[in-house]
Amino acid sequence: MFCPVCGREYRQGIETCRDCGNALVHELPPQRGEDFIEYEAKQSRTFPVEFTGSAREYFRIWIVNLCLTLLTAGIFSAWAKVRKKRYYYSHTTLDGTPFQYLGRPIPILKGRVIAAAAFSAYYVSSHFFTSLLPYVFMAGAVLAPWVLIRSAAFNARYSAFRNMTFRFDGKYLSALKAIYTLAIIPALLVVTAMVFAWHGQYPAIAMGGAVIIFGLSFPWWIKKVKGFIIGHTSYGSREGSLSATGGQFFRVYLMAVLILLAMMVLSGIILAATVFYVKDKPLLLVALGAIPMYAGYVLAYAYVKARGTNVVWDHTQFGPVRFKSTLTA
């Protein structure tokens, strides 16, 4: 029998360590990441992921990042991201061991320069050279899978636990299928709407159909993209998998839409009840209608983030390791 904290060995029959009071185990946990997974699977124990940071410490990092980013016209934002992630990772522990963020600011800065150049190309083509806009969209559609792969590979390569980094091996064609399989019909409707617009006709019907179809298929699209990222991420020899269904994501987004609709109805009721009393104060009237709407957006966003995260982690598995998320909105 061994103490998992101090490593002291005891004879059979003793259940707790005399020095530190921890429960004894039959074998010491290994230090390497992949062996650690096998060890925990055999032990069949549950460990909470704990965050040990404080608001005061993070505020100091945040305010310095903000000031230096403003002073350098955004250039320092890459270094700010590294500082922020290192703080988050180093204060997030599993079984007492913190995660590690190994990212460097220069690659992040290069990526943001490329993103700024892409946005500039879109802005110039949409405002000054509109004939080039379709080609810019086509280039963006071709590059989107590559951007997804590079981003996922970067996050995996520079994230580590117990001195072992994660790995992402997704390929361009797989990313292409994940992104565009469910977007083919909405995309065709958008193209049809653009053709109608170029011929001076009303594209509202085609565009409305594209919005409705894409809205209904969006939860399945989210599931497909997240499944692609998790399914091609591995820790040691353990590959990730996502067993969630599109229907589970659909229920999350449906509830978010219902929250928005409820707040819209509340906004209408408030306006109808107060319009005769504040009709001479238009700013107050706008505020009375806008506050419930903004509150609805905040509530819906928080609900999607919390429940969506729960769906993802509750159905994610790396080898024998499973997860349980209990976030509330």
C-alpha atoms as a PDB file:
ATOM      1  CA  MET A   1       0.000   0.000   0.000  1.00  0.00           C
ATOM      2  CA  PHE A   2       1.260   3.489  -0.878  1.00  0.00           C
ATOM      3  CA  CYS A   3       0.380   7.083  -0.071  1.00  0.00           C
ATOM      4  CA  PRO A   4      -0.378   8.853  -3.397  1.00  0.00           C
ATOM      5  CA  VAL A   5       0.900  12.184  -2.010  1.00  0.00           C
ATOM      6  CA  CYS A   6       4.121  11.490  -0.101  1.00  0.00           C
ATOM      7  CA  GLY A   7       4.864   8.060  -1.640  1.00  0.00           C
ATOM      8  CA  ARG A   8       5.405   6.310   1.689  1.00  0.00           C
ATOM      9  CA  GLU A   9       4.868   2.533   1.642  1.00  0.00           C
ATOM     10  CA  TYR A  10       2.730   0.729   4.272  1.00  0.00           C
ATOM     11  CA  ARG A  11       1.930  -2.880   5.032  1.00  0.00           C
ATOM     12  CA  GLN A  12      -1.447  -4.420   4.224  1.00  0.00           C
ATOM     13  CA  GLY A  13      -4.273  -3.519   6.593  1.00  0.00           C
ATOM     14  CA  ILE A  14      -3.430   0.175   6.993  1.00  0.00           C
ATOM     15  CA  GLU A  15      -5.900   2.444   5.158  1.00  0.00           C
ATOM     16  CA  THR A  16      -4.595   6.001   5.677  1.00  0.00           C
ATOM     17  CA  CYS A  17      -1.173   7.649   5.659  1.00  0.00           C
ATOM     18  CA  ARG A  18       0.115   8.463   9.142  1.00  0.00           C
ATOM     19  CA  ASP A  19       1.986  11.524   7.880  1.00  0.00           C
ATOM     20  CA  CYS A  20      -0.537  13.302   5.646  1.00  0.00           C
ATOM     21  CA  GLY A  21      -3.828  11.468   6.301  1.00  0.00           C
ATOM     22  CA  ASN A  22      -4.539  10.526   2.661  1.00  0.00           C
ATOM     23  CA  ALA A  23      -6.218   7.256   1.699  1.00  0.00           C
ATOM     24  CA  LEU A  24      -3.695   4.621   0.599  1.00  0.00           C
ATOM     25  CA  VAL A  25      -3.678   3.044  -2.872  1.00  0.00           C
ATOM     26  CA  HIS A  26      -2.286  -0.243  -4.162  1.00  0.00           C
ATOM     27  CA  GLU A  27       0.145   1.449  -6.564  1.00  0.00           C
ATOM     28  CA  LEU A  28       1.623   4.904  -7.003  1.00  0.00           C
ATOM     29  CA  PRO A  29       0.229   7.045  -9.834  1.00  0.00           C
ATOM     30  CA  PRO A  30       2.670   7.378 -12.758  1.00  0.00           C
ATOM     31  CA  GLN A  31       4.038  10.749 -13.781  1.00  0.00           C
ATOM     32  CA  ARG A  32       3.658  10.396 -17.561  1.00  0.00           C
ATOM     33  CA  GLY A  33       0.377  11.546 -19.055  1.00  0.00           C
ATOM     34  CA  GLU A  34      -0.639   8.450 -21.056  1.00  0.00           C
ATOM     35  CA  ASP A  35       0.221   6.065 -18.217  1.00  0.00           C
ATOM     36  CA  PHE A  36      -1.715   8.357 -15.900  1.00  0.00           C
ATOM     37  CA  ILE A  37      -4.873   7.794 -17.977  1.00  0.00           C
ATOM     38  CA  GLU A  38      -4.528   4.015 -17.683  1.00  0.00           C
ATOM     39  CA  TYR A  39      -3.872   4.305 -13.966  1.00  0.00           C
ATOM     40  CA  GLU A  40      -6.972   6.428 -13.330  1.00  0.00           C
ATOM     41  CA  ALA A  41      -9.137   4.074 -15.418  1.00  0.00           C
ATOM     42  CA  LYS A  42      -8.090   1.151 -13.225  1.00  0.00           C
ATOM     43  CA  GLN A  43      -8.752   3.143 -10.054  1.00  0.00           C
ATOM     44  CA  SER A  44     -12.265   4.151 -11.289  1.00  0.00           C
ATOM     45  CA  ARG A  45     -12.124   7.386  -9.356  1.00  0.00           C
ATOM     46  CA  THR A  46     -13.646  10.797 -10.042  1.00  0.00           C
ATOM     47  CA  PHE A  47     -11.606  13.999  -9.879  1.00  0.00           C
ATOM     48  CA  PRO A  48     -13.002  17.533 -10.094  1.00  0.00           C
ATOM     49  CA  VAL A  49     -11.330  20.069 -12.349  1.00  0.00           C
ATOM     50  CA  GLU A  50     -10.507  22.944 -10.004  1.00  0.00           C
ATOM     51  CA  PHE A  51      -9.673  26.583 -10.738  1.00  0.00           C
ATOM     52  CA  THR A  52      -7.441  28.142  -8.082  1.00  0.00           C
ATOM     53  CA  GLY A  53      -7.073  31.656  -9.505  1.00  0.00           C
ATOM     54  CA  SER A  54      -8.470  34.810  -7.959  1.00  0.00           C
ATOM     55  CA  ALA A  55     -10.254  37.845  -9.385  1.00  0.00           C
ATOM     56  CA  ARG A  56      -7.606  40.184  -7.937  1.00  0.00           C
ATOM     57  CA  GLU A  57      -4.719  38.370  -9.625  1.00  0.00           C
ATOM     58  CA  TYR A  58      -6.507  38.171 -12.956  1.00  0.00           C
ATOM     59  CA  PHE A  59      -7.513  41.845 -12.803  1.00  0.00           C
ATOM     60  CA  ARG A  60      -3.848  42.835 -12.594  1.00  0.00           C
ATOM     61  CA  ILE A  61      -3.081  40.760 -15.682  1.00  0.00           C
ATOM     62  CA  TRP A  62      -6.132  42.080 -17.512  1.00  0.00           C
ATOM     63  CA  ILE A  63      -5.499  45.777 -16.849  1.00  0.00           C
ATOM     64  CA  VAL A  64      -1.843  45.530 -17.913  1.00  0.00           C
ATOM     65  CA  ASN A  65      -2.858  43.637 -21.053  1.00  0.00           C
ATOM     66  CA  LEU A  66      -5.500  46.244 -21.877  1.00  0.00           C
ATOM     67  CA  CYS A  67      -3.190  49.233 -21.407  1.00  0.00           C
ATOM     68  CA  LEU A  68      -0.319  47.748 -23.412  1.00  0.00           C
ATOM     69  CA  THR A  69      -2.679  46.615 -26.187  1.00  0.00           C
ATOM     70  CA  LEU A  70      -4.061  50.151 -26.518  1.00  0.00           C
ATOM     71  CA  LEU A  71      -0.596  51.742 -26.400  1.00  0.00           C
ATOM     72  CA  THR A  72       0.724  49.436 -29.143  1.00  0.00           C
ATOM     73  CA  ALA A  73      -2.364  49.737 -31.388  1.00  0.00           C
ATOM     74  CA  GLY A  74      -3.269  46.085 -30.830  1.00  0.00           C
ATOM     75  CA  ILE A  75       0.162  44.557 -31.432  1.00  0.00           C
ATOM     76  CA  PHE A  76       0.536  43.494 -27.784  1.00  0.00           C
ATOM     77  CA  SER A  77      -2.771  41.573 -27.979  1.00  0.00           C
ATOM     78  CA  ALA A  78      -0.848  38.414 -28.975  1.00  0.00           C
ATOM     79  CA  TRP A  79       1.319  38.648 -25.849  1.00  0.00           C
ATOM     80  CA  ALA A  80      -1.816  39.468 -23.832  1.00  0.00           C
ATOM     81  CA  LYS A  81      -3.488  36.270 -25.016  1.00  0.00           C
ATOM     82  CA  VAL A  82      -0.463  34.187 -24.004  1.00  0.00           C
ATOM     83  CA  ARG A  83      -0.345  35.792 -20.537  1.00  0.00           C
ATOM     84  CA  LYS A  84      -4.073  35.243 -20.034  1.00  0.00           C
ATOM     85  CA  LYS A  85      -4.021  31.606 -21.161  1.00  0.00           C
ATOM     86  CA  ARG A  86      -0.957  30.778 -19.093  1.00  0.00           C
ATOM     87  CA  TYR A  87      -2.721  32.138 -16.034  1.00  0.00           C
ATOM     88  CA  TYR A  88      -5.892  30.140 -16.755  1.00  0.00           C
ATOM     89  CA  TYR A  89      -4.027  26.924 -17.507  1.00  0.00           C
ATOM     90  CA  SER A  90      -1.616  27.136 -14.564  1.00  0.00           C
ATOM     91  CA  HIS A  91      -4.513  27.698 -12.155  1.00  0.00           C
ATOM     92  CA  THR A  92      -6.661  24.875 -13.570  1.00  0.00           C
ATOM     93  CA  THR A  93      -5.792  21.577 -11.901  1.00  0.00           C
ATOM     94  CA  LEU A  94      -6.809  17.944 -12.268  1.00  0.00           C
ATOM     95  CA  ASP A  95      -5.887  15.706  -9.340  1.00  0.00           C
ATOM     96  CA  GLY A  96      -3.640  18.499  -8.071  1.00  0.00           C
ATOM     97  CA  THR A  97      -1.691  18.776 -11.339  1.00  0.00           C
ATOM     98  CA  PRO A  98      -2.027  22.036 -13.320  1.00  0.00           C
ATOM     99  CA  PHE A  99      -2.374  22.212 -17.067  1.00  0.00           C
ATOM    100  CA  GLN A 100       0.306  23.943 -19.123  1.00  0.00           C
ATOM    101  CA  TYR A 101      -0.002  26.455 -21.942  1.00  0.00           C
ATOM    102  CA  LEU A 102       3.084  26.484 -24.150  1.00  0.00           C
ATOM    103  CA  GLY A 103       1.922  28.938 -26.809  1.00  0.00           C
ATOM    104  CA  ARG A 104       4.154  31.727 -28.095  1.00  0.00           C
ATOM    105  CA  PRO A 105       2.995  35.219 -29.069  1.00  0.00           C
ATOM    106  CA  ILE A 106       4.741  35.540 -32.461  1.00  0.00           C
ATOM    107  CA  PRO A 107       2.685  32.797 -34.227  1.00  0.00           C
ATOM    108  CA  ILE A 108      -0.478  34.328 -32.742  1.00  0.00           C
ATOM    109  CA  LEU A 109       0.554  37.765 -34.012  1.00  0.00           C
ATOM    110  CA  LYS A 110       1.177  36.360 -37.503  1.00  0.00           C
ATOM    111  CA  GLY A 111      -2.269  34.776 -37.501  1.00  0.00           C
ATOM    112  CA  ARG A 112      -3.893  38.052 -36.517  1.00  0.00           C
ATOM    113  CA  VAL A 113      -2.020  39.927 -39.237  1.00  0.00           C
ATOM    114  CA  ILE A 114      -3.380  37.418 -41.772  1.00  0.00           C
ATOM    115  CA  ALA A 115      -6.896  37.830 -40.329  1.00  0.00           C
ATOM    116  CA  ALA A 116      -6.585  41.628 -40.548  1.00  0.00           C
ATOM    117  CA  ALA A 117      -5.455  41.345 -44.173  1.00  0.00           C
ATOM    118  CA  ALA A 118      -8.433  39.104 -44.980  1.00  0.00           C
ATOM    119  CA  PHE A 119     -10.858  41.551 -43.364  1.00  0.00           C
ATOM    120  CA  SER A 120      -9.248  44.438 -45.255  1.00  0.00           C
ATOM    121  CA  ALA A 121      -9.724  42.556 -48.531  1.00  0.00           C
ATOM    122  CA  TYR A 122     -13.398  42.021 -47.681  1.00  0.00           C
ATOM    123  CA  TYR A 123     -13.901  45.676 -46.690  1.00  0.00           C
ATOM    124  CA  VAL A 124     -12.226  47.061 -49.819  1.00  0.00           C
ATOM    125  CA  SER A 125     -14.075  44.700 -52.162  1.00  0.00           C
ATOM    126  CA  SER A 126     -17.464  45.359 -50.524  1.00  0.00           C
ATOM    127  CA  HIS A 127     -17.102  49.168 -50.540  1.00  0.00           C
ATOM    128  CA  PHE A 128     -14.930  50.044 -53.544  1.00  0.00           C
ATOM    129  CA  PHE A 129     -14.583  47.036 -55.873  1.00  0.00           C
ATOM    130  CA  THR A 130     -17.890  45.206 -55.546  1.00  0.00           C
ATOM    131  CA  SER A 131     -17.228  43.129 -58.663  1.00  0.00           C
ATOM    132  CA  LEU A 132     -14.461  41.361 -56.722  1.00  0.00           C
ATOM    133  CA  LEU A 133     -16.676  40.499 -53.736  1.00  0.00           C
ATOM    134  CA  PRO A 134     -17.805  37.046 -55.046  1.00  0.00           C
ATOM    135  CA  TYR A 135     -14.170  36.064 -55.547  1.00  0.00           C
ATOM    136  CA  VAL A 136     -13.315  37.186 -52.007  1.00  0.00           C
ATOM    137  CA  PHE A 137     -16.166  35.038 -50.672  1.00  0.00           C
ATOM    138  CA  MET A 138     -14.965  32.079 -52.730  1.00  0.00           C
ATOM    139  CA  ALA A 139     -11.420  32.497 -51.392  1.00  0.00           C
ATOM    140  CA  GLY A 140     -12.782  32.670 -47.845  1.00  0.00           C
ATOM    141  CA  ALA A 141     -14.826  29.504 -48.371  1.00  0.00           C
ATOM    142  CA  VAL A 142     -11.755  27.651 -49.653  1.00  0.00           C
ATOM    143  CA  LEU A 143      -9.555  28.862 -46.783  1.00  0.00           C
ATOM    144  CA  ALA A 144     -12.088  28.255 -43.967  1.00  0.00           C
ATOM    145  CA  PRO A 145     -11.251  24.518 -43.512  1.00  0.00           C
ATOM    146  CA  TRP A 146      -7.530  25.344 -43.492  1.00  0.00           C
ATOM    147  CA  VAL A 147      -8.090  28.013 -40.810  1.00  0.00           C
ATOM    148  CA  LEU A 148     -10.090  25.530 -38.702  1.00  0.00           C
ATOM    149  CA  ILE A 149      -7.321  22.916 -38.936  1.00  0.00           C
ATOM    150  CA  ARG A 150      -4.521  25.359 -38.133  1.00  0.00           C
ATOM    151  CA  SER A 151      -6.400  26.799 -35.163  1.00  0.00           C
ATOM    152  CA  ALA A 152      -7.243  23.380 -33.687  1.00  0.00           C
ATOM    153  CA  ALA A 153      -3.688  22.111 -34.253  1.00  0.00           C
ATOM    154  CA  PHE A 154      -2.216  25.199 -32.580  1.00  0.00           C
ATOM    155  CA  ASN A 155      -4.460  24.892 -29.517  1.00  0.00           C
ATOM    156  CA  ALA A 156      -3.680  21.177 -29.169  1.00  0.00           C
ATOM    157  CA  ARG A 157       0.068  21.443 -29.733  1.00  0.00           C
ATOM    158  CA  TYR A 158       0.527  24.147 -27.125  1.00  0.00           C
ATOM    159  CA  SER A 159      -1.725  22.609 -24.449  1.00  0.00           C
ATOM    160  CA  ALA A 160      -0.148  20.065 -22.108  1.00  0.00           C
ATOM    161  CA  PHE A 161      -0.951  17.994 -19.039  1.00  0.00           C
ATOM    162  CA  ARG A 162       1.678  16.142 -17.041  1.00  0.00           C
ATOM    163  CA  ASN A 163       4.351  17.207 -19.554  1.00  0.00           C
ATOM    164  CA  MET A 164       2.526  15.600 -22.491  1.00  0.00           C
ATOM    165  CA  THR A 165       0.972  17.766 -25.195  1.00  0.00           C
ATOM    166  CA  PHE A 166      -2.241  17.096 -27.041  1.00  0.00           C
ATOM    167  CA  ARG A 167      -2.211  16.392 -30.781  1.00  0.00           C
ATOM    168  CA  PHE A 168      -4.555  17.249 -33.640  1.00  0.00           C
ATOM    169  CA  ASP A 169      -4.357  15.326 -36.930  1.00  0.00           C
ATOM    170  CA  GLY A 170      -7.354  16.604 -38.898  1.00  0.00           C
ATOM    171  CA  LYS A 171      -6.981  16.900 -42.688  1.00  0.00           C
ATOM    172  CA  TYR A 172      -8.295  19.499 -45.127  1.00  0.00           C
ATOM    173  CA  LEU A 173     -10.857  17.257 -46.854  1.00  0.00           C
ATOM    174  CA  SER A 174     -12.289  16.094 -43.523  1.00  0.00           C
ATOM    175  CA  ALA A 175     -12.620  19.707 -42.381  1.00  0.00           C
ATOM    176  CA  LEU A 176     -14.231  20.590 -45.714  1.00  0.00           C
ATOM    177  CA  LYS A 177     -16.899  17.922 -45.179  1.00  0.00           C
ATOM    178  CA  ALA A 178     -17.472  18.952 -41.562  1.00  0.00           C
ATOM    179  CA  ILE A 179     -18.003  22.602 -42.457  1.00  0.00           C
ATOM    180  CA  TYR A 180     -19.935  22.417 -45.709  1.00  0.00           C
ATOM    181  CA  THR A 181     -21.929  19.167 -45.738  1.00  0.00           C
ATOM    182  CA  LEU A 182     -24.917  20.726 -43.967  1.00  0.00           C
ATOM    183  CA  ALA A 183     -24.421  24.150 -45.563  1.00  0.00           C
ATOM    184  CA  ILE A 184     -24.881  23.112 -49.202  1.00  0.00           C
ATOM    185  CA  ILE A 185     -28.625  23.847 -49.467  1.00  0.00           C
ATOM    186  CA  PRO A 186     -28.503  27.209 -47.605  1.00  0.00           C
ATOM    187  CA  ALA A 187     -25.469  28.173 -49.689  1.00  0.00           C
ATOM    188  CA  LEU A 188     -27.312  27.380 -52.923  1.00  0.00           C
ATOM    189  CA  LEU A 189     -30.242  29.516 -51.769  1.00  0.00           C
ATOM    190  CA  VAL A 190     -27.892  32.402 -50.948  1.00  0.00           C
ATOM    191  CA  VAL A 191     -26.291  32.133 -54.401  1.00  0.00           C
ATOM    192  CA  THR A 192     -29.771  32.116 -55.949  1.00  0.00           C
ATOM    193  CA  ALA A 193     -30.675  35.229 -53.960  1.00  0.00           C
ATOM    194  CA  MET A 194     -27.494  36.969 -55.164  1.00  0.00           C
ATOM    195  CA  VAL A 195     -28.338  36.069 -58.788  1.00  0.00           C
ATOM    196  CA  PHE A 196     -31.833  37.533 -58.346  1.00  0.00           C
ATOM    197  CA  ALA A 197     -30.320  40.697 -56.865  1.00  0.00           C
ATOM    198  CA  TRP A 198     -27.876  41.103 -59.758  1.00  0.00           C
ATOM    199  CA  HIS A 199     -30.803  40.871 -62.196  1.00  0.00           C
ATOM    200  CA  GLY A 200     -32.728  43.559 -60.328  1.00  0.00           C
ATOM    201  CA  GLN A 201     -35.287  41.182 -58.840  1.00  0.00           C
ATOM    202  CA  TYR A 202     -36.289  40.677 -55.225  1.00  0.00           C
ATOM    203  CA  PRO A 203     -34.131  38.046 -53.503  1.00  0.00           C
ATOM    204  CA  ALA A 204     -36.117  38.072 -50.248  1.00  0.00           C
ATOM    205  CA  ILE A 205     -37.750  34.663 -50.747  1.00  0.00           C
ATOM    206  CA  ALA A 206     -34.504  32.821 -51.497  1.00  0.00           C
ATOM    207  CA  MET A 207     -32.631  34.649 -48.747  1.00  0.00           C
ATOM    208  CA  GLY A 208     -35.426  33.964 -46.242  1.00  0.00           C
ATOM    209  CA  GLY A 209     -35.400  30.284 -47.166  1.00  0.00           C
ATOM    210  CA  ALA A 210     -31.627  30.169 -46.694  1.00  0.00           C
ATOM    211  CA  VAL A 211     -31.898  31.754 -43.246  1.00  0.00           C
ATOM    212  CA  ILE A 212     -34.655  29.360 -42.116  1.00  0.00           C
ATOM    213  CA  ILE A 213     -32.932  26.221 -43.408  1.00  0.00           C
ATOM    214  CA  PHE A 214     -29.557  27.237 -42.003  1.00  0.00           C
ATOM    215  CA  GLY A 215     -31.161  28.102 -38.657  1.00  0.00           C
ATOM    216  CA  LEU A 216     -32.800  24.676 -38.423  1.00  0.00           C
ATOM    217  CA  SER A 217     -29.618  22.843 -39.442  1.00  0.00           C
ATOM    218  CA  PHE A 218     -27.267  24.988 -37.326  1.00  0.00           C
ATOM    219  CA  PRO A 219     -27.298  22.688 -34.224  1.00  0.00           C
ATOM    220  CA  TRP A 220     -26.342  19.702 -36.393  1.00  0.00           C
ATOM    221  CA  TRP A 221     -23.619  21.817 -38.012  1.00  0.00           C
ATOM    222  CA  ILE A 222     -22.229  22.721 -34.570  1.00  0.00           C
ATOM    223  CA  LYS A 223     -22.251  19.044 -33.592  1.00  0.00           C
ATOM    224  CA  LYS A 224     -20.430  18.089 -36.803  1.00  0.00           C
ATOM    225  CA  VAL A 225     -17.696  20.712 -36.396  1.00  0.00           C
ATOM    226  CA  LYS A 226     -17.144  19.970 -32.697  1.00  0.00           C
ATOM    227  CA  GLY A 227     -17.149  16.246 -33.415  1.00  0.00           C
ATOM    228  CA  PHE A 228     -14.505  16.792 -36.099  1.00  0.00           C
ATOM    229  CA  ILE A 229     -12.241  18.739 -33.720  1.00  0.00           C
ATOM    230  CA  ILE A 230     -12.623  16.353 -30.771  1.00  0.00           C
ATOM    231  CA  GLY A 231     -12.457  13.240 -32.945  1.00  0.00           C
ATOM    232  CA  HIS A 232      -9.096  14.293 -34.400  1.00  0.00           C
ATOM    233  CA  THR A 233      -7.609  15.381 -31.064  1.00  0.00           C
ATOM    234  CA  SER A 234      -5.581  12.862 -29.083  1.00  0.00           C
ATOM    235  CA  TYR A 235      -3.679  12.661 -25.815  1.00  0.00           C
ATOM    236  CA  GLY A 236      -0.869  10.180 -26.156  1.00  0.00           C
ATOM    237  CA  SER A 237      -2.378   7.194 -27.972  1.00  0.00           C
ATOM    238  CA  ARG A 238      -5.884   7.983 -26.720  1.00  0.00           C
ATOM    239  CA  GLU A 239      -8.072   9.545 -29.409  1.00  0.00           C
ATOM    240  CA  GLY A 240     -11.017  11.723 -28.539  1.00  0.00           C
ATOM    241  CA  SER A 241     -14.609  11.024 -29.543  1.00  0.00           C
ATOM    242  CA  LEU A 242     -17.900  12.901 -29.279  1.00  0.00           C
ATOM    243  CA  SER A 243     -21.059  10.806 -28.943  1.00  0.00           C
ATOM    244  CA  ALA A 244     -23.547  13.706 -28.682  1.00  0.00           C
ATOM    245  CA  THR A 245     -26.374  13.911 -31.223  1.00  0.00           C
ATOM    246  CA  GLY A 246     -27.591  16.861 -33.233  1.00  0.00           C
ATOM    247  CA  GLY A 247     -30.928  16.608 -31.440  1.00  0.00           C
ATOM    248  CA  GLN A 248     -29.268  17.356 -28.097  1.00  0.00           C
ATOM    249  CA  PHE A 249     -27.759  20.545 -29.517  1.00  0.00           C
ATOM    250  CA  PHE A 250     -31.086  21.383 -31.186  1.00  0.00           C
ATOM    251  CA  ARG A 251     -32.876  21.314 -27.812  1.00  0.00           C
ATOM    252  CA  VAL A 252     -30.303  23.739 -26.382  1.00  0.00           C
ATOM    253  CA  TYR A 253     -30.728  26.233 -29.223  1.00  0.00           C
ATOM    254  CA  LEU A 254     -34.504  25.792 -29.272  1.00  0.00           C
ATOM    255  CA  MET A 255     -34.680  26.757 -25.601  1.00  0.00           C
ATOM    256  CA  ALA A 256     -32.468  29.790 -26.319  1.00  0.00           C
ATOM    257  CA  VAL A 257     -34.875  30.882 -29.082  1.00  0.00           C
ATOM    258  CA  LEU A 258     -37.826  30.448 -26.709  1.00  0.00           C
ATOM    259  CA  ILE A 259     -36.037  32.632 -24.146  1.00  0.00           C
ATOM    260  CA  LEU A 260     -35.575  35.331 -26.787  1.00  0.00           C
ATOM    261  CA  LEU A 261     -39.215  35.099 -27.859  1.00  0.00           C
ATOM    262  CA  ALA A 262     -40.397  35.324 -24.245  1.00  0.00           C
ATOM    263  CA  MET A 263     -38.334  38.471 -23.680  1.00  0.00           C
ATOM    264  CA  MET A 264     -39.663  39.947 -26.943  1.00  0.00           C
ATOM    265  CA  VAL A 265     -43.219  39.358 -25.738  1.00  0.00           C
ATOM    266  CA  LEU A 266     -42.331  40.918 -22.372  1.00  0.00           C
ATOM    267  CA  SER A 267     -40.869  43.925 -24.175  1.00  0.00           C
ATOM    268  CA  GLY A 268     -44.078  44.322 -26.188  1.00  0.00           C
ATOM    269  CA  ILE A 269     -46.222  44.083 -23.054  1.00  0.00           C
ATOM    270  CA  ILE A 270     -44.129  46.737 -21.293  1.00  0.00           C
ATOM    271  CA  LEU A 271     -44.341  49.070 -24.293  1.00  0.00           C
ATOM    272  CA  ALA A 272     -48.101  48.571 -24.646  1.00  0.00           C
ATOM    273  CA  ALA A 273     -48.654  49.258 -20.937  1.00  0.00           C
ATOM    274  CA  THR A 274     -46.505  52.401 -20.775  1.00  0.00           C
ATOM    275  CA  VAL A 275     -46.758  54.012 -24.217  1.00  0.00           C
ATOM    276  CA  PHE A 276     -49.552  56.385 -23.183  1.00  0.00           C
ATOM    277  CA  TYR A 277     -47.665  57.500 -20.076  1.00  0.00           C
ATOM    278  CA  VAL A 278     -44.257  58.138 -21.638  1.00  0.00           C
ATOM    279  CA  LYS A 279     -45.191  58.986 -25.241  1.00  0.00           C
ATOM    280  CA  ASP A 280     -43.628  62.424 -24.782  1.00  0.00           C
ATOM    281  CA  LYS A 281     -40.330  60.828 -23.685  1.00  0.00           C
ATOM    282  CA  PRO A 282     -39.082  58.810 -26.669  1.00  0.00           C
ATOM    283  CA  LEU A 283     -35.724  57.934 -25.091  1.00  0.00           C
ATOM    284  CA  LEU A 284     -37.435  56.416 -22.056  1.00  0.00           C
ATOM    285  CA  LEU A 285     -39.808  54.531 -24.347  1.00  0.00           C
ATOM    286  CA  VAL A 286     -36.892  53.085 -26.314  1.00  0.00           C
ATOM    287  CA  ALA A 287     -35.126  52.086 -23.089  1.00  0.00           C
ATOM    288  CA  LEU A 288     -38.221  50.332 -21.731  1.00  0.00           C
ATOM    289  CA  GLY A 289     -38.423  48.245 -24.880  1.00  0.00           C
ATOM    290  CA  ALA A 290     -34.693  47.650 -25.298  1.00  0.00           C
ATOM    291  CA  ILE A 291     -33.827  46.530 -21.756  1.00  0.00           C
ATOM    292  CA  PRO A 292     -35.874  43.281 -21.880  1.00  0.00           C
ATOM    293  CA  MET A 293     -34.514  42.572 -25.373  1.00  0.00           C
ATOM    294  CA  TYR A 294     -30.882  42.936 -24.293  1.00  0.00           C
ATOM    295  CA  ALA A 295     -31.613  40.906 -21.163  1.00  0.00           C
ATOM    296  CA  GLY A 296     -33.038  38.190 -23.412  1.00  0.00           C
ATOM    297  CA  TYR A 297     -29.880  38.116 -25.539  1.00  0.00           C
ATOM    298  CA  VAL A 298     -27.710  37.840 -22.422  1.00  0.00           C
ATOM    299  CA  LEU A 299     -29.836  35.044 -20.944  1.00  0.00           C
ATOM    300  CA  ALA A 300     -29.979  33.130 -24.235  1.00  0.00           C
ATOM    301  CA  TYR A 301     -26.213  33.452 -24.734  1.00  0.00           C
ATOM    302  CA  ALA A 302     -25.491  32.281 -21.180  1.00  0.00           C
ATOM    303  CA  TYR A 303     -27.889  29.358 -21.608  1.00  0.00           C
ATOM    304  CA  VAL A 304     -26.282  28.237 -24.884  1.00  0.00           C
ATOM    305  CA  LYS A 305     -22.752  28.531 -23.470  1.00  0.00           C
ATOM    306  CA  ALA A 306     -23.553  26.604 -20.272  1.00  0.00           C
ATOM    307  CA  ARG A 307     -25.837  23.896 -21.646  1.00  0.00           C
ATOM    308  CA  GLY A 308     -23.864  23.546 -24.878  1.00  0.00           C
ATOM    309  CA  THR A 309     -20.675  23.039 -22.873  1.00  0.00           C
ATOM    310  CA  ASN A 310     -22.428  20.409 -20.754  1.00  0.00           C
ATOM    311  CA  VAL A 311     -23.571  18.520 -23.860  1.00  0.00           C
ATOM    312  CA  VAL A 312     -20.061  18.536 -25.333  1.00  0.00           C
ATOM    313  CA  TRP A 313     -18.178  17.444 -22.211  1.00  0.00           C
ATOM    314  CA  ASP A 314     -20.781  14.912 -21.047  1.00  0.00           C
ATOM    315  CA  HIS A 315     -20.350  13.083 -24.369  1.00  0.00           C
ATOM    316  CA  THR A 316     -16.586  13.486 -24.828  1.00  0.00           C
ATOM    317  CA  GLN A 317     -14.245  10.582 -24.163  1.00  0.00           C
ATOM    318  CA  PHE A 318     -10.477  10.046 -24.415  1.00  0.00           C
ATOM    319  CA  GLY A 319      -9.880   6.318 -24.197  1.00  0.00           C
ATOM    320  CA  PRO A 320     -11.259   5.218 -20.817  1.00  0.00           C
ATOM    321  CA  VAL A 321     -11.498   8.795 -19.506  1.00  0.00           C
ATOM    322  CA  ARG A 322     -14.939  10.393 -19.454  1.00  0.00           C
ATOM    323  CA  PHE A 323     -16.097  13.826 -18.343  1.00  0.00           C
ATOM    324  CA  LYS A 324     -19.065  15.301 -16.502  1.00  0.00           C
ATOM    325  CA  SER A 325     -19.962  18.988 -16.753  1.00  0.00           C
ATOM    326  CA  THR A 326     -22.510  20.594 -14.415  1.00  0.00           C
ATOM    327  CA  LEU A 327     -22.480  24.236 -15.551  1.00  0.00           C
ATOM    328  CA  THR A 328     -25.650  26.251 -14.992  1.00  0.00           C
ATOM    329  CA  ALA A 329     -26.728  29.332 -16.921  1.00  0.00           C
END
